[in-house]
Protein backbone atom coordinates (compact mmCIF):
# COMPACT_ATOMS: atom_id res chain seq x y z
CA UNK A 1 -8.21 -7.37 9.40
CA UNK A 2 -4.99 -6.58 11.32
CA UNK A 3 -3.41 -5.28 8.04
CA UNK A 4 -5.87 -2.99 6.16
CA UNK A 5 -3.29 -2.52 3.58
CA UNK A 6 -0.99 -4.49 1.39
CA UNK A 7 2.24 -2.48 -0.23
CA UNK A 8 3.92 -3.87 -3.61
CA UNK A 9 7.44 -2.86 -3.15
CA UNK A 10 10.90 -2.85 -4.28
CA UNK A 11 14.16 -2.03 -2.73
CA UNK A 12 15.52 1.65 -3.62
CA UNK A 13 11.94 2.98 -4.43
CA UNK A 14 11.73 6.27 -2.91
CA UNK A 15 7.81 6.66 -3.28
CA UNK A 16 7.66 2.85 -1.39
CA UNK A 17 9.67 4.37 1.29
CA UNK A 18 7.81 7.64 1.65
CA UNK A 19 4.32 5.57 1.67
CA UNK A 20 5.32 3.52 4.36
CA UNK A 21 6.89 6.01 6.74
CA UNK A 22 3.47 7.73 6.21
CA UNK A 23 1.56 4.88 7.14
CA UNK A 24 4.15 4.21 10.26
CA UNK A 25 3.69 7.96 11.37
CA UNK A 26 -0.10 7.33 11.52
CA UNK A 27 0.17 3.81 12.90
CA UNK A 28 -1.37 2.03 10.35
CA UNK A 29 -0.32 -1.75 10.07
CA UNK A 30 0.46 -2.95 6.80
CA UNK A 31 1.75 -5.95 4.80
CA UNK A 32 4.85 -5.40 2.49
CA UNK A 33 5.31 -7.87 -0.87
CA UNK A 34 8.82 -7.41 -2.45
CA UNK A 35 8.23 -7.41 -6.15
CA UNK A 36 11.72 -8.54 -6.75
CA UNK A 37 11.09 -11.52 -4.82
CA UNK A 38 7.38 -12.31 -5.58
CA UNK A 39 7.44 -13.13 -9.46
CA UNK A 40 3.49 -13.98 -9.35
CA UNK A 41 2.54 -10.78 -7.81
CA UNK A 42 4.80 -9.05 -9.98
CA UNK A 43 3.11 -10.70 -12.91
CA UNK A 44 -0.25 -10.10 -11.64
CA UNK A 45 0.18 -6.22 -11.20
CA UNK A 46 1.63 -6.30 -14.65
CA UNK A 47 -1.41 -7.60 -16.17
CA UNK A 48 -3.81 -5.44 -14.57
CA UNK A 49 -1.78 -2.42 -15.97
CA UNK A 50 0.19 -1.48 -12.96
CA UNK A 51 3.85 -0.45 -13.95
CA UNK A 52 5.17 1.27 -11.21
CA UNK A 53 5.74 0.84 -7.28
CA UNK A 54 4.36 1.21 -4.74
CA UNK A 55 0.80 -0.18 -5.65
CA UNK A 56 -1.36 -0.16 -2.73
CA UNK A 57 -4.47 -2.09 -2.07
CA UNK A 58 -6.70 -0.83 0.90
CA UNK A 59 -10.16 -2.21 1.50
CA UNK A 60 -11.37 -2.28 -2.30
CA UNK A 61 -9.04 0.45 -3.30
CA UNK A 62 -6.09 0.12 -5.28
CA UNK A 63 -3.39 2.98 -6.27
CA UNK A 64 -0.06 4.06 -7.17
CA UNK A 65 2.82 6.00 -6.11
CA UNK A 66 2.99 8.12 -2.78
CA UNK A 67 -0.52 9.78 -2.50
CA UNK A 68 -0.87 11.51 1.03
CA UNK A 69 -4.44 11.97 0.07
CA UNK A 70 -5.19 8.10 -0.22
CA UNK A 71 -3.49 7.68 2.92
CA UNK A 72 -5.68 10.10 4.86
CA UNK A 73 -8.76 8.35 3.53
CA UNK A 74 -7.38 5.35 4.95
CA UNK A 75 -6.53 6.83 8.57
CA UNK A 76 -10.39 8.62 8.24
CA UNK A 77 -11.87 5.59 7.23
CA UNK A 78 -10.00 3.47 10.20
CA UNK A 79 -11.14 6.12 12.54
CA UNK A 80 -14.91 5.83 11.53
CA UNK A 81 -14.80 1.98 11.86
CA UNK A 82 -12.83 1.82 15.18
CA UNK A 83 -9.93 0.60 13.06
CA UNK A 84 -11.29 -2.33 11.34
CA UNK A 85 -10.66 -2.06 7.44
């Protein structure tokens, strides 16, 4: 998998920007889905109970908000697996 993370984001979201900057600094690839333009993704996340952005999916884990602890966990997992999620 080239992009181990999917970030569901929206414009002007401070926590979204912080998450993407932390991932960029760590050299971690990710895919961004803009919730203001993808109604199906927004509906799915809302139906799953997620009410704030960002929502991040990573190798079976999902979390919301800027979570440096979760990002560190992704970095460790990628280091242990040689970059394979």
